[in-house]
C-alpha atoms as a PDB file:
ATOM      1  CA  MET A   1      23.842 116.447 121.326  1.00  0.00           C
ATOM      2  CA  PRO A   2      26.936 116.154 123.352  1.00  0.00           C
ATOM      3  CA  GLN A   3      29.965 118.252 122.012  1.00  0.00           C
ATOM      4  CA  ILE A   4      32.563 116.150 120.033  1.00  0.00           C
ATOM      5  CA  PRO A   5      36.096 117.144 120.890  1.00  0.00           C
ATOM      6  CA  LEU A   6      39.017 117.328 118.590  1.00  0.00           C
ATOM      7  CA  VAL A   7      40.700 114.514 120.595  1.00  0.00           C
ATOM      8  CA  ASP A   8      39.515 112.900 123.648  1.00  0.00           C
ATOM      9  CA  VAL A   9      42.566 111.825 125.627  1.00  0.00           C
ATOM     10  CA  LYS A  10      40.849 110.785 128.686  1.00  0.00           C
ATOM     11  CA  ALA A  11      38.899 108.109 126.435  1.00  0.00           C
ATOM     12  CA  GLN A  12      42.316 106.421 125.847  1.00  0.00           C
ATOM     13  CA  TYR A  13      43.496 106.118 129.495  1.00  0.00           C
ATOM     14  CA  ALA A  14      40.102 105.779 131.181  1.00  0.00           C
ATOM     15  CA  PRO A  15      40.134 101.951 130.934  1.00  0.00           C
ATOM     16  CA  LEU A  16      43.572 102.102 132.350  1.00  0.00           C
ATOM     17  CA  LEU A  17      42.984 104.424 135.073  1.00  0.00           C
ATOM     18  CA  ASP A  18      43.262 102.022 138.157  1.00  0.00           C
ATOM     19  CA  GLU A  19      46.642 100.690 137.192  1.00  0.00           C
ATOM     20  CA  LEU A  20      47.912 104.065 136.000  1.00  0.00           C
ATOM     21  CA  LYS A  21      47.094 105.330 139.627  1.00  0.00           C
ATOM     22  CA  GLU A  22      49.268 102.428 140.967  1.00  0.00           C
ATOM     23  CA  ARG A  23      52.267 103.349 138.675  1.00  0.00           C
ATOM     24  CA  ILE A  24      51.947 106.877 139.905  1.00  0.00           C
ATOM     25  CA  ALA A  25      51.588 105.755 143.652  1.00  0.00           C
ATOM     26  CA  ASP A  26      54.700 103.657 143.232  1.00  0.00           C
ATOM     27  CA  VAL A  27      56.738 106.623 142.215  1.00  0.00           C
ATOM     28  CA  LEU A  28      55.313 108.741 145.153  1.00  0.00           C
ATOM     29  CA  ASP A  29      56.190 105.715 147.479  1.00  0.00           C
ATOM     30  CA  SER A  30      59.748 105.637 146.264  1.00  0.00           C
ATOM     31  CA  GLY A  31      60.472 109.198 146.918  1.00  0.00           C
ATOM     32  CA  ARG A  32      62.782 109.396 143.743  1.00  0.00           C
ATOM     33  CA  PHE A  33      61.594 112.151 141.216  1.00  0.00           C
ATOM     34  CA  ILE A  34      64.457 113.192 139.128  1.00  0.00           C
ATOM     35  CA  LEU A  35      66.459 110.853 136.920  1.00  0.00           C
ATOM     36  CA  GLY A  36      65.052 107.741 138.740  1.00  0.00           C
ATOM     37  CA  PRO A  37      64.631 104.194 137.652  1.00  0.00           C
ATOM     38  CA  ASN A  38      61.555 104.963 135.621  1.00  0.00           C
ATOM     39  CA  VAL A  39      63.459 107.415 133.366  1.00  0.00           C
ATOM     40  CA  LYS A  40      66.407 104.988 132.827  1.00  0.00           C
ATOM     41  CA  ALA A  41      64.108 102.072 132.114  1.00  0.00           C
ATOM     42  CA  PHE A  42      61.754 104.263 129.791  1.00  0.00           C
ATOM     43  CA  GLU A  43      65.068 105.290 127.788  1.00  0.00           C
ATOM     44  CA  GLU A  44      65.947 101.647 127.329  1.00  0.00           C
ATOM     45  CA  GLU A  45      62.376 100.531 126.431  1.00  0.00           C
ATOM     46  CA  ALA A  46      61.900 103.473 124.006  1.00  0.00           C
ATOM     47  CA  ALA A  47      65.178 102.804 122.247  1.00  0.00           C
ATOM     48  CA  ALA A  48      64.341  99.037 121.855  1.00  0.00           C
ATOM     49  CA  TYR A  49      60.697 100.205 120.428  1.00  0.00           C
ATOM     50  CA  LEU A  50      62.280 102.583 118.182  1.00  0.00           C
ATOM     51  CA  GLY A  51      65.219 100.486 117.004  1.00  0.00           C
ATOM     52  CA  VAL A  52      67.952 102.933 117.974  1.00  0.00           C
ATOM     53  CA  GLU A  53      70.998 102.603 120.106  1.00  0.00           C
ATOM     54  CA  HIS A  54      70.405 105.699 122.497  1.00  0.00           C
ATOM     55  CA  ALA A  55      67.391 107.483 123.796  1.00  0.00           C
ATOM     56  CA  ILE A  56      67.732 110.370 126.170  1.00  0.00           C
ATOM     57  CA  GLY A  57      64.599 111.829 128.083  1.00  0.00           C
ATOM     58  CA  VAL A  58      64.413 115.614 128.289  1.00  0.00           C
ATOM     59  CA  ALA A  59      61.648 118.022 129.652  1.00  0.00           C
ATOM     60  CA  ASN A  60      59.648 118.577 126.502  1.00  0.00           C
ATOM     61  CA  GLY A  61      59.926 118.293 122.661  1.00  0.00           C
ATOM     62  CA  THR A  62      61.287 121.800 122.101  1.00  0.00           C
ATOM     63  CA  ASP A  63      64.198 121.242 124.453  1.00  0.00           C
ATOM     64  CA  ALA A  64      64.608 118.015 122.485  1.00  0.00           C
ATOM     65  CA  LEU A  65      65.119 120.060 119.299  1.00  0.00           C
ATOM     66  CA  VAL A  66      67.424 122.599 120.952  1.00  0.00           C
ATOM     67  CA  ILE A  67      69.505 120.153 122.749  1.00  0.00           C
ATOM     68  CA  ALA A  68      69.934 118.067 119.569  1.00  0.00           C
ATOM     69  CA  LEU A  69      71.234 121.029 117.662  1.00  0.00           C
ATOM     70  CA  ASP A  70      73.489 122.113 120.345  1.00  0.00           C
ATOM     71  CA  ALA A  71      74.924 118.718 120.608  1.00  0.00           C
ATOM     72  CA  LEU A  72      75.751 118.934 116.977  1.00  0.00           C
ATOM     73  CA  GLU A  73      77.533 122.380 117.852  1.00  0.00           C
ATOM     74  CA  ILE A  74      75.263 124.317 115.473  1.00  0.00           C
ATOM     75  CA  GLY A  75      75.232 128.074 116.256  1.00  0.00           C
ATOM     76  CA  PRO A  76      75.803 131.655 114.955  1.00  0.00           C
ATOM     77  CA  GLY A  77      76.565 131.830 111.274  1.00  0.00           C
ATOM     78  CA  ASP A  78      75.122 128.370 110.604  1.00  0.00           C
ATOM     79  CA  GLU A  79      71.967 127.762 108.496  1.00  0.00           C
ATOM     80  CA  VAL A  80      69.426 125.008 109.225  1.00  0.00           C
ATOM     81  CA  ILE A  81      66.642 124.048 106.663  1.00  0.00           C
ATOM     82  CA  CYS A  82      63.238 123.327 107.834  1.00  0.00           C
ATOM     83  CA  PRO A  83      59.641 123.341 106.414  1.00  0.00           C
ATOM     84  CA  THR A  84      57.744 126.618 106.864  1.00  0.00           C
ATOM     85  CA  PHE A  85      54.504 124.606 107.438  1.00  0.00           C
ATOM     86  CA  THR A  86      55.003 123.364 110.887  1.00  0.00           C
ATOM     87  CA  PHE A  87      54.701 124.332 114.470  1.00  0.00           C
ATOM     88  CA  TYR A  88      56.762 127.160 115.579  1.00  0.00           C
ATOM     89  CA  ALA A  89      59.128 125.231 117.956  1.00  0.00           C
ATOM     90  CA  THR A  90      60.785 123.935 114.854  1.00  0.00           C
ATOM     91  CA  ALA A  91      62.294 127.356 113.815  1.00  0.00           C
ATOM     92  CA  GLU A  92      62.381 128.590 117.201  1.00  0.00           C
ATOM     93  CA  ALA A  93      64.907 125.933 118.317  1.00  0.00           C
ATOM     94  CA  ILE A  94      67.167 126.960 115.309  1.00  0.00           C
ATOM     95  CA  ALA A  95      66.977 130.572 116.177  1.00  0.00           C
ATOM     96  CA  ARG A  96      67.488 129.739 119.996  1.00  0.00           C
ATOM     97  CA  ARG A  97      70.897 128.317 118.941  1.00  0.00           C
ATOM     98  CA  GLY A  98      71.797 131.495 117.070  1.00  0.00           C
ATOM     99  CA  ALA A  99      71.612 129.665 113.825  1.00  0.00           C
ATOM    100  CA  THR A 100      69.442 130.779 110.799  1.00  0.00           C
ATOM    101  CA  PRO A 101      66.306 128.995 109.719  1.00  0.00           C
ATOM    102  CA  ILE A 102      66.047 128.571 106.050  1.00  0.00           C
ATOM    103  CA  PHE A 103      62.552 127.731 105.174  1.00  0.00           C
ATOM    104  CA  ALA A 104      61.543 125.284 102.402  1.00  0.00           C
ATOM    105  CA  GLU A 105      58.365 124.434 100.537  1.00  0.00           C
ATOM    106  CA  ILE A 106      56.108 121.480 100.974  1.00  0.00           C
ATOM    107  CA  ASP A 107      54.824 118.561  98.840  1.00  0.00           C
ATOM    108  CA  PRO A 108      51.087 119.622  98.476  1.00  0.00           C
ATOM    109  CA  ARG A 109      50.062 115.967  98.581  1.00  0.00           C
ATOM    110  CA  THR A 110      51.679 115.066 101.905  1.00  0.00           C
ATOM    111  CA  MET A 111      52.358 118.596 103.248  1.00  0.00           C
ATOM    112  CA  ASN A 112      55.993 117.317 104.136  1.00  0.00           C
ATOM    113  CA  LEU A 113      59.101 118.897 103.038  1.00  0.00           C
ATOM    114  CA  ASP A 114      59.651 118.952  99.297  1.00  0.00           C
ATOM    115  CA  ALA A 115      63.211 117.483  98.771  1.00  0.00           C
ATOM    116  CA  GLU A 116      63.752 119.220  95.510  1.00  0.00           C
ATOM    117  CA  ASP A 117      63.188 122.533  97.023  1.00  0.00           C
ATOM    118  CA  VAL A 118      65.389 121.724  99.951  1.00  0.00           C
ATOM    119  CA  ARG A 119      68.133 120.680  97.594  1.00  0.00           C
ATOM    120  CA  ALA A 120      67.957 124.167  95.906  1.00  0.00           C
ATOM    121  CA  ARG A 121      68.299 126.034  99.306  1.00  0.00           C
ATOM    122  CA  VAL A 122      71.535 124.199 100.453  1.00  0.00           C
ATOM    123  CA  THR A 123      74.621 126.463 100.771  1.00  0.00           C
ATOM    124  CA  GLU A 124      78.027 126.075 102.222  1.00  0.00           C
ATOM    125  CA  ARG A 125      76.671 127.178 105.567  1.00  0.00           C
ATOM    126  CA  THR A 126      74.001 124.616 105.696  1.00  0.00           C
ATOM    127  CA  LYS A 127      74.744 122.445 108.734  1.00  0.00           C
ATOM    128  CA  ALA A 128      71.472 120.459 109.300  1.00  0.00           C
ATOM    129  CA  ILE A 129      68.140 119.763 107.720  1.00  0.00           C
ATOM    130  CA  ILE A 130      65.098 119.319 110.131  1.00  0.00           C
ATOM    131  CA  PRO A 131      62.334 117.178 108.390  1.00  0.00           C
ATOM    132  CA  VAL A 132      59.118 117.300 110.327  1.00  0.00           C
ATOM    133  CA  HIS A 133      57.043 113.970 110.166  1.00  0.00           C
ATOM    134  CA  LEU A 134      53.983 116.222 110.072  1.00  0.00           C
ATOM    135  CA  PHE A 135      50.613 115.016 111.383  1.00  0.00           C
ATOM    136  CA  GLY A 136      52.075 111.431 111.882  1.00  0.00           C
ATOM    137  CA  ARG A 137      53.038 111.015 108.285  1.00  0.00           C
ATOM    138  CA  PRO A 138      56.684 109.972 107.868  1.00  0.00           C
ATOM    139  CA  VAL A 139      58.855 111.890 105.515  1.00  0.00           C
ATOM    140  CA  PRO A 140      60.618 109.839 102.692  1.00  0.00           C
ATOM    141  CA  LEU A 141      63.914 110.688 103.943  1.00  0.00           C
ATOM    142  CA  ALA A 142      66.363 108.820 101.221  1.00  0.00           C
ATOM    143  CA  GLU A 143      66.551 111.831  98.779  1.00  0.00           C
ATOM    144  CA  LEU A 144      67.303 114.107 101.729  1.00  0.00           C
ATOM    145  CA  ALA A 145      69.956 111.963 103.124  1.00  0.00           C
ATOM    146  CA  GLU A 146      71.710 111.766  99.621  1.00  0.00           C
ATOM    147  CA  LEU A 147      72.523 115.595 100.119  1.00  0.00           C
ATOM    148  CA  GLY A 148      75.213 114.452 102.801  1.00  0.00           C
ATOM    149  CA  ILE A 149      74.020 116.909 105.252  1.00  0.00           C
ATOM    150  CA  PRO A 150      72.908 115.771 108.902  1.00  0.00           C
ATOM    151  CA  LEU A 151      69.247 115.233 109.220  1.00  0.00           C
ATOM    152  CA  VAL A 152      67.714 116.067 112.711  1.00  0.00           C
ATOM    153  CA  GLU A 153      64.210 114.459 112.335  1.00  0.00           C
ATOM    154  CA  ASP A 154      61.469 116.402 114.245  1.00  0.00           C
ATOM    155  CA  ALA A 155      59.252 113.312 114.959  1.00  0.00           C
ATOM    156  CA  ALA A 156      57.150 115.198 117.713  1.00  0.00           C
ATOM    157  CA  GLN A 157      54.018 114.019 115.908  1.00  0.00           C
ATOM    158  CA  ALA A 158      55.040 110.572 114.693  1.00  0.00           C
ATOM    159  CA  PHE A 159      56.180 108.360 117.668  1.00  0.00           C
ATOM    160  CA  GLY A 160      55.489 104.675 116.279  1.00  0.00           C
ATOM    161  CA  ALA A 161      55.319 105.810 112.704  1.00  0.00           C
ATOM    162  CA  SER A 162      57.337 103.228 110.646  1.00  0.00           C
ATOM    163  CA  GLY A 163      60.293 104.861 108.953  1.00  0.00           C
ATOM    164  CA  ALA A 164      60.467 107.958 111.249  1.00  0.00           C
ATOM    165  CA  GLY A 165      63.476 108.284 113.523  1.00  0.00           C
ATOM    166  CA  THR A 166      65.672 105.762 111.662  1.00  0.00           C
ATOM    167  CA  THR A 167      67.815 107.872 109.332  1.00  0.00           C
ATOM    168  CA  GLY A 168      68.763 111.059 111.000  1.00  0.00           C
ATOM    169  CA  VAL A 169      71.839 111.541 113.324  1.00  0.00           C
ATOM    170  CA  ALA A 170      69.260 112.555 115.938  1.00  0.00           C
ATOM    171  CA  SER A 171      65.503 112.430 116.249  1.00  0.00           C
ATOM    172  CA  THR A 172      63.301 114.239 118.532  1.00  0.00           C
ATOM    173  CA  TYR A 173      59.875 113.490 120.118  1.00  0.00           C
ATOM    174  CA  SER A 174      57.328 115.156 122.200  1.00  0.00           C
ATOM    175  CA  PHE A 175      54.951 113.620 124.833  1.00  0.00           C
ATOM    176  CA  PHE A 176      52.486 116.478 125.022  1.00  0.00           C
ATOM    177  CA  PRO A 177      49.190 114.975 126.170  1.00  0.00           C
ATOM    178  CA  THR A 178      47.468 115.028 122.800  1.00  0.00           C
ATOM    179  CA  LYS A 179      50.454 113.071 121.010  1.00  0.00           C
ATOM    180  CA  ASN A 180      50.030 109.350 120.003  1.00  0.00           C
ATOM    181  CA  LEU A 181      52.221 108.366 122.961  1.00  0.00           C
ATOM    182  CA  PHE A 182      51.457 110.943 125.618  1.00  0.00           C
ATOM    183  CA  ALA A 183      52.353 111.980 129.008  1.00  0.00           C
ATOM    184  CA  LEU A 184      50.162 113.523 131.623  1.00  0.00           C
ATOM    185  CA  GLY A 185      52.105 116.756 131.094  1.00  0.00           C
ATOM    186  CA  ASP A 186      55.282 117.740 129.333  1.00  0.00           C
ATOM    187  CA  GLY A 187      57.954 115.446 128.218  1.00  0.00           C
ATOM    188  CA  GLY A 188      60.493 114.816 125.479  1.00  0.00           C
ATOM    189  CA  LEU A 189      63.146 112.443 124.031  1.00  0.00           C
ATOM    190  CA  VAL A 190      66.023 112.551 121.839  1.00  0.00           C
ATOM    191  CA  THR A 191      67.362 109.712 120.021  1.00  0.00           C
ATOM    192  CA  ALA A 192      70.889 109.078 118.459  1.00  0.00           C
ATOM    193  CA  ARG A 193      72.886 106.368 116.786  1.00  0.00           C
ATOM    194  CA  ASP A 194      76.475 107.664 117.547  1.00  0.00           C
ATOM    195  CA  PRO A 195      77.376 107.127 121.203  1.00  0.00           C
ATOM    196  CA  GLU A 196      79.489 110.262 121.478  1.00  0.00           C
ATOM    197  CA  LEU A 197      76.703 112.469 120.315  1.00  0.00           C
ATOM    198  CA  ALA A 198      74.343 110.602 122.674  1.00  0.00           C
ATOM    199  CA  GLU A 199      76.576 111.200 125.613  1.00  0.00           C
ATOM    200  CA  ARG A 200      77.052 115.005 124.638  1.00  0.00           C
ATOM    201  CA  ILE A 201      72.993 115.027 124.718  1.00  0.00           C
ATOM    202  CA  ARG A 202      73.096 113.410 128.276  1.00  0.00           C
ATOM    203  CA  LEU A 203      75.503 116.055 129.443  1.00  0.00           C
ATOM    204  CA  LEU A 204      73.556 119.093 127.893  1.00  0.00           C
ATOM    205  CA  ARG A 205      70.180 118.023 129.461  1.00  0.00           C
ATOM    206  CA  PHE A 206      71.793 118.043 132.953  1.00  0.00           C
ATOM    207  CA  HIS A 207      73.773 121.239 133.081  1.00  0.00           C
ATOM    208  CA  GLY A 208      76.733 119.796 131.206  1.00  0.00           C
ATOM    209  CA  SER A 209      77.485 117.381 134.043  1.00  0.00           C
ATOM    210  CA  LYS A 210      77.605 113.787 134.691  1.00  0.00           C
ATOM    211  CA  ALA A 211      77.480 113.903 138.529  1.00  0.00           C
ATOM    212  CA  LYS A 212      76.649 117.559 139.240  1.00  0.00           C
ATOM    213  CA  LYS A 213      80.218 118.184 140.473  1.00  0.00           C
ATOM    214  CA  ASP A 214      82.187 118.800 137.447  1.00  0.00           C
ATOM    215  CA  PHE A 215      80.645 120.856 134.473  1.00  0.00           C
ATOM    216  CA  GLU A 216      81.899 119.982 131.229  1.00  0.00           C
ATOM    217  CA  LEU A 217      79.368 122.142 128.996  1.00  0.00           C
ATOM    218  CA  ILE A 218      77.097 125.105 129.142  1.00  0.00           C
ATOM    219  CA  GLY A 219      73.969 122.930 129.387  1.00  0.00           C
ATOM    220  CA  TYR A 220      70.395 122.834 130.336  1.00  0.00           C
ATOM    221  CA  ASN A 221      68.027 121.869 133.243  1.00  0.00           C
ATOM    222  CA  SER A 222      65.912 119.636 130.963  1.00  0.00           C
ATOM    223  CA  ARG A 223      65.115 116.230 132.501  1.00  0.00           C
ATOM    224  CA  LEU A 224      62.246 113.951 131.826  1.00  0.00           C
ATOM    225  CA  ASP A 225      60.111 113.919 135.014  1.00  0.00           C
ATOM    226  CA  GLU A 226      60.232 110.445 136.825  1.00  0.00           C
ATOM    227  CA  LEU A 227      56.362 110.547 137.293  1.00  0.00           C
ATOM    228  CA  GLN A 228      55.991 111.232 133.533  1.00  0.00           C
ATOM    229  CA  ALA A 229      58.454 108.415 132.714  1.00  0.00           C
ATOM    230  CA  ALA A 230      56.432 105.886 134.688  1.00  0.00           C
ATOM    231  CA  VAL A 231      53.302 106.976 132.836  1.00  0.00           C
ATOM    232  CA  LEU A 232      55.114 106.617 129.358  1.00  0.00           C
ATOM    233  CA  ARG A 233      56.422 103.153 130.360  1.00  0.00           C
ATOM    234  CA  PHE A 234      52.916 102.211 131.143  1.00  0.00           C
ATOM    235  CA  PHE A 235      51.483 103.610 127.815  1.00  0.00           C
ATOM    236  CA  LEU A 236      54.255 102.296 125.614  1.00  0.00           C
ATOM    237  CA  PRO A 237      52.980  98.716 125.272  1.00  0.00           C
ATOM    238  CA  HIS A 238      49.464 100.160 124.383  1.00  0.00           C
ATOM    239  CA  LEU A 239      50.936 102.371 121.521  1.00  0.00           C
ATOM    240  CA  ASP A 240      50.646  99.884 118.723  1.00  0.00           C
ATOM    241  CA  ASP A 241      47.109  99.157 119.301  1.00  0.00           C
ATOM    242  CA  TRP A 242      46.282 102.883 119.712  1.00  0.00           C
ATOM    243  CA  ASN A 243      47.931 103.531 116.456  1.00  0.00           C
ATOM    244  CA  ARG A 244      46.110 100.776 114.717  1.00  0.00           C
ATOM    245  CA  LEU A 245      42.821 102.180 116.150  1.00  0.00           C
ATOM    246  CA  ARG A 246      43.833 105.667 114.687  1.00  0.00           C
ATOM    247  CA  ARG A 247      44.508 104.101 111.300  1.00  0.00           C
ATOM    248  CA  GLU A 248      40.957 102.315 111.282  1.00  0.00           C
ATOM    249  CA  ALA A 249      39.327 105.527 112.362  1.00  0.00           C
ATOM    250  CA  ALA A 250      40.983 107.321 109.328  1.00  0.00           C
ATOM    251  CA  ALA A 251      39.881 104.542 106.867  1.00  0.00           C
ATOM    252  CA  ARG A 252      36.352 104.745 108.322  1.00  0.00           C
ATOM    253  CA  TYR A 253      36.281 108.519 107.422  1.00  0.00           C
ATOM    254  CA  ALA A 254      37.055 107.539 103.837  1.00  0.00           C
ATOM    255  CA  ALA A 255      34.502 104.720 103.985  1.00  0.00           C
ATOM    256  CA  LEU A 256      31.786 107.134 105.051  1.00  0.00           C
ATOM    257  CA  GLY A 257      32.304 109.217 101.935  1.00  0.00           C
ATOM    258  CA  LEU A 258      34.046 112.034 103.462  1.00  0.00           C
ATOM    259  CA  GLY A 259      36.356 112.243 100.358  1.00  0.00           C
ATOM    260  CA  GLU A 260      33.274 113.263  98.332  1.00  0.00           C
ATOM    261  CA  VAL A 261      33.237 116.682  99.978  1.00  0.00           C
ATOM    262  CA  CYS A 262      36.775 117.365 100.901  1.00  0.00           C
ATOM    263  CA  GLU A 263      40.414 116.243 100.191  1.00  0.00           C
ATOM    264  CA  LEU A 264      41.431 113.424 102.432  1.00  0.00           C
ATOM    265  CA  PRO A 265      45.049 112.959 103.655  1.00  0.00           C
ATOM    266  CA  ALA A 266      46.752 110.403 101.269  1.00  0.00           C
ATOM    267  CA  ASP A 267      47.160 107.110 103.158  1.00  0.00           C
ATOM    268  CA  GLU A 268      50.366 105.104 103.431  1.00  0.00           C
ATOM    269  CA  PRO A 269      51.394 102.202 105.733  1.00  0.00           C
ATOM    270  CA  GLY A 270      53.502 104.244 108.199  1.00  0.00           C
ATOM    271  CA  HIS A 271      51.110 106.889 108.802  1.00  0.00           C
ATOM    272  CA  VAL A 272      49.904 106.999 112.353  1.00  0.00           C
ATOM    273  CA  TYR A 273      47.375 110.032 112.032  1.00  0.00           C
ATOM    274  CA  HIS A 274      48.501 112.092 115.072  1.00  0.00           C
ATOM    275  CA  VAL A 275      45.748 114.351 113.528  1.00  0.00           C
ATOM    276  CA  PHE A 276      43.388 113.879 110.686  1.00  0.00           C
ATOM    277  CA  VAL A 277      43.860 116.772 108.383  1.00  0.00           C
ATOM    278  CA  VAL A 278      41.586 117.271 105.455  1.00  0.00           C
ATOM    279  CA  ARG A 279      41.762 120.007 102.819  1.00  0.00           C
ATOM    280  CA  SER A 280      39.219 122.291 101.301  1.00  0.00           C
ATOM    281  CA  PRO A 281      38.974 125.715  99.668  1.00  0.00           C
ATOM    282  CA  GLU A 282      35.713 125.937 101.799  1.00  0.00           C
ATOM    283  CA  ARG A 283      37.586 125.426 105.079  1.00  0.00           C
ATOM    284  CA  ASP A 284      36.456 128.312 107.093  1.00  0.00           C
ATOM    285  CA  ARG A 285      32.817 127.663 106.101  1.00  0.00           C
ATOM    286  CA  ILE A 286      33.025 124.152 107.172  1.00  0.00           C
ATOM    287  CA  ARG A 287      34.717 125.165 110.408  1.00  0.00           C
ATOM    288  CA  GLU A 288      31.974 127.528 111.293  1.00  0.00           C
ATOM    289  CA  HIS A 289      29.315 124.882 110.561  1.00  0.00           C
ATOM    290  CA  LEU A 290      31.189 122.303 112.579  1.00  0.00           C
ATOM    291  CA  ALA A 291      31.317 124.776 115.464  1.00  0.00           C
ATOM    292  CA  SER A 292      27.600 125.518 115.438  1.00  0.00           C
ATOM    293  CA  SER A 293      27.136 121.814 115.539  1.00  0.00           C
ATOM    294  CA  ASP A 294      29.097 121.334 118.652  1.00  0.00           C
ATOM    295  CA  ILE A 295      31.869 119.564 116.718  1.00  0.00           C
ATOM    296  CA  ALA A 296      35.467 120.804 117.546  1.00  0.00           C
ATOM    297  CA  SER A 297      37.821 121.421 114.614  1.00  0.00           C
ATOM    298  CA  THR A 298      41.179 123.382 114.074  1.00  0.00           C
ATOM    299  CA  ALA A 299      43.239 124.707 111.286  1.00  0.00           C
ATOM    300  CA  TYR A 300      46.886 124.227 111.713  1.00  0.00           C
ATOM    301  CA  TYR A 301      49.656 126.848 110.791  1.00  0.00           C
ATOM    302  CA  GLU A 302      47.128 129.507 109.587  1.00  0.00           C
ATOM    303  CA  THR A 303      50.270 131.918 109.879  1.00  0.00           C
ATOM    304  CA  ALA A 304      53.177 129.812 108.472  1.00  0.00           C
ATOM    305  CA  LEU A 305      56.668 130.167 109.901  1.00  0.00           C
ATOM    306  CA  HIS A 306      57.962 132.621 107.264  1.00  0.00           C
ATOM    307  CA  LEU A 307      55.083 135.047 108.108  1.00  0.00           C
ATOM    308  CA  GLN A 308      55.412 134.923 111.706  1.00  0.00           C
ATOM    309  CA  PRO A 309      56.211 138.390 113.463  1.00  0.00           C
ATOM    310  CA  ALA A 310      59.039 136.935 115.594  1.00  0.00           C
ATOM    311  CA  LEU A 311      60.904 135.839 112.409  1.00  0.00           C
ATOM    312  CA  ARG A 312      60.207 138.903 110.159  1.00  0.00           C
ATOM    313  CA  ASP A 313      63.686 139.880 110.094  1.00  0.00           C
ATOM    314  CA  LEU A 314      64.466 136.703 107.993  1.00  0.00           C
ATOM    315  CA  GLY A 315      63.063 138.755 105.175  1.00  0.00           C
ATOM    316  CA  TYR A 316      60.395 136.453 103.737  1.00  0.00           C
ATOM    317  CA  GLY A 317      56.994 137.730 102.621  1.00  0.00           C
ATOM    318  CA  GLU A 318      53.543 136.701 101.204  1.00  0.00           C
ATOM    319  CA  GLY A 319      53.825 134.583  98.120  1.00  0.00           C
ATOM    320  CA  ASP A 320      57.213 133.122  98.670  1.00  0.00           C
ATOM    321  CA  PHE A 321      55.833 129.640  99.563  1.00  0.00           C
ATOM    322  CA  PRO A 322      52.652 129.308  97.589  1.00  0.00           C
ATOM    323  CA  GLU A 323      51.930 125.514  98.469  1.00  0.00           C
ATOM    324  CA  THR A 324      52.504 126.210 102.085  1.00  0.00           C
ATOM    325  CA  GLU A 325      50.279 129.423 102.125  1.00  0.00           C
ATOM    326  CA  ARG A 326      47.513 127.608 100.145  1.00  0.00           C
ATOM    327  CA  ALA A 327      47.792 124.642 102.893  1.00  0.00           C
ATOM    328  CA  SER A 328      47.404 127.019 105.521  1.00  0.00           C
ATOM    329  CA  ARG A 329      44.277 128.381 104.047  1.00  0.00           C
ATOM    330  CA  GLU A 330      42.644 124.996 103.321  1.00  0.00           C
ATOM    331  CA  ASN A 331      43.785 122.577 106.067  1.00  0.00           C
ATOM    332  CA  LEU A 332      41.374 121.479 108.828  1.00  0.00           C
ATOM    333  CA  ALA A 333      41.921 118.778 111.455  1.00  0.00           C
ATOM    334  CA  LEU A 334      38.680 116.686 112.239  1.00  0.00           C
ATOM    335  CA  PRO A 335      37.969 114.674 115.474  1.00  0.00           C
ATOM    336  CA  LEU A 336      40.064 111.733 115.587  1.00  0.00           C
ATOM    337  CA  TRP A 337      41.625 109.561 118.387  1.00  0.00           C
ATOM    338  CA  ALA A 338      42.207 105.906 119.367  1.00  0.00           C
ATOM    339  CA  GLY A 339      38.799 104.562 120.003  1.00  0.00           C
ATOM    340  CA  ILE A 340      36.659 107.285 118.369  1.00  0.00           C
ATOM    341  CA  GLY A 341      33.266 105.668 117.716  1.00  0.00           C
ATOM    342  CA  PRO A 342      31.638 105.219 114.213  1.00  0.00           C
ATOM    343  CA  ASP A 343      28.612 107.058 115.344  1.00  0.00           C
ATOM    344  CA  VAL A 344      30.661 110.128 116.382  1.00  0.00           C
ATOM    345  CA  GLN A 345      32.414 109.815 112.951  1.00  0.00           C
ATOM    346  CA  GLU A 346      29.208 109.617 111.098  1.00  0.00           C
ATOM    347  CA  ARG A 347      27.998 112.774 112.861  1.00  0.00           C
ATOM    348  CA  VAL A 348      31.250 114.574 111.713  1.00  0.00           C
ATOM    349  CA  VAL A 349      30.877 113.416 108.052  1.00  0.00           C
ATOM    350  CA  ALA A 350      27.198 114.454 108.043  1.00  0.00           C
ATOM    351  CA  ALA A 351      28.186 118.047 109.502  1.00  0.00           C
ATOM    352  CA  VAL A 352      30.708 118.477 106.783  1.00  0.00           C
ATOM    353  CA  ARG A 353      28.338 117.383 104.115  1.00  0.00           C
ATOM    354  CA  GLU A 354      25.788 119.871 105.307  1.00  0.00           C
ATOM    355  CA  ALA A 355      28.486 122.645 105.271  1.00  0.00           C
ATOM    356  CA  VAL A 356      29.357 122.109 101.751  1.00  0.00           C
ATOM    357  CA  SER A 357      25.763 121.833 100.636  1.00  0.00           C
ATOM    358  CA  LEU A 358      24.912 125.244 102.305  1.00  0.00           C
ATOM    359  CA  GLU A 359      27.909 126.759 100.594  1.00  0.00           C
ATOM    360  CA  ALA A 360      26.811 125.332  97.185  1.00  0.00           C
ATOM    361  CA  VAL A 361      23.357 126.901  97.442  1.00  0.00           C
ATOM    362  CA  ARG A 362      24.544 130.428  98.583  1.00  0.00           C
END
């Protein structure tokens, strides 16, 4: 049997390949590659799609976080609260600014930030909170917003998820090739509602300068590539359909009975299933059996941020975040992409059932 990948990006763009090549060729013919018309147009189109006033393209999702924090003038002596169950870049961006990441626990049902735990960790030095819309599931932000602390939404995994990117003073996105809206390389975006904050972000992404003559800030060289912007413009009108197909695939897993042998992600209307993550105490056994059946899977954040070697000086240890550590042991992402076939999903479910049955008779 052919191997089943975790995500098949090519399956999404293959039907569009001829026109995609034309869009790329148009950029090559133009000879404009840095901050050209496609970047400007994509920023306008993305802002309209997301329902925000300002969208600024940057080189990648990590730079998006760093620049957003820089624009808010967060630095040494400041604290920023974020989940410990997320990709390293969330905390890395805080540390890159010289601020201190303060980790918070997750809600075990959603694996997103637990607002009550965040509330307990706020101090007079807390200058921002970074809620992460993990795996494509929007974080309920009303309770966090009540704290009166600026929210910087990490929406890297949730472009197109309803409710994401609409509350924070800034929101950040990644266009890494496996994301729901993806580029053919790296790319990122920062959105903002306040025009002054947006202008500061624009300056920071280009060496702190408007025209490469006068330099107002110590900035970055972090610009969305014109080729990638052309690709993103082409893909954006397809996003709603792709997200619909992802939701249909998630529902199909449930209909096939996958929930009888592992815990499925709780569904809600805004969830766009960047990845399809189940939970099981038998995670490692399931993963081994899937691999032997030529089915890809992966576990996320097996070493949570509070236990990462680079962050050991923060003073956290095993047991500090029990729900996060349990999620690290139990979570498993199964194959899912826009257009995954029912036959593929049936094979995945059958393999998971086999793994659980084998464990039961051991």
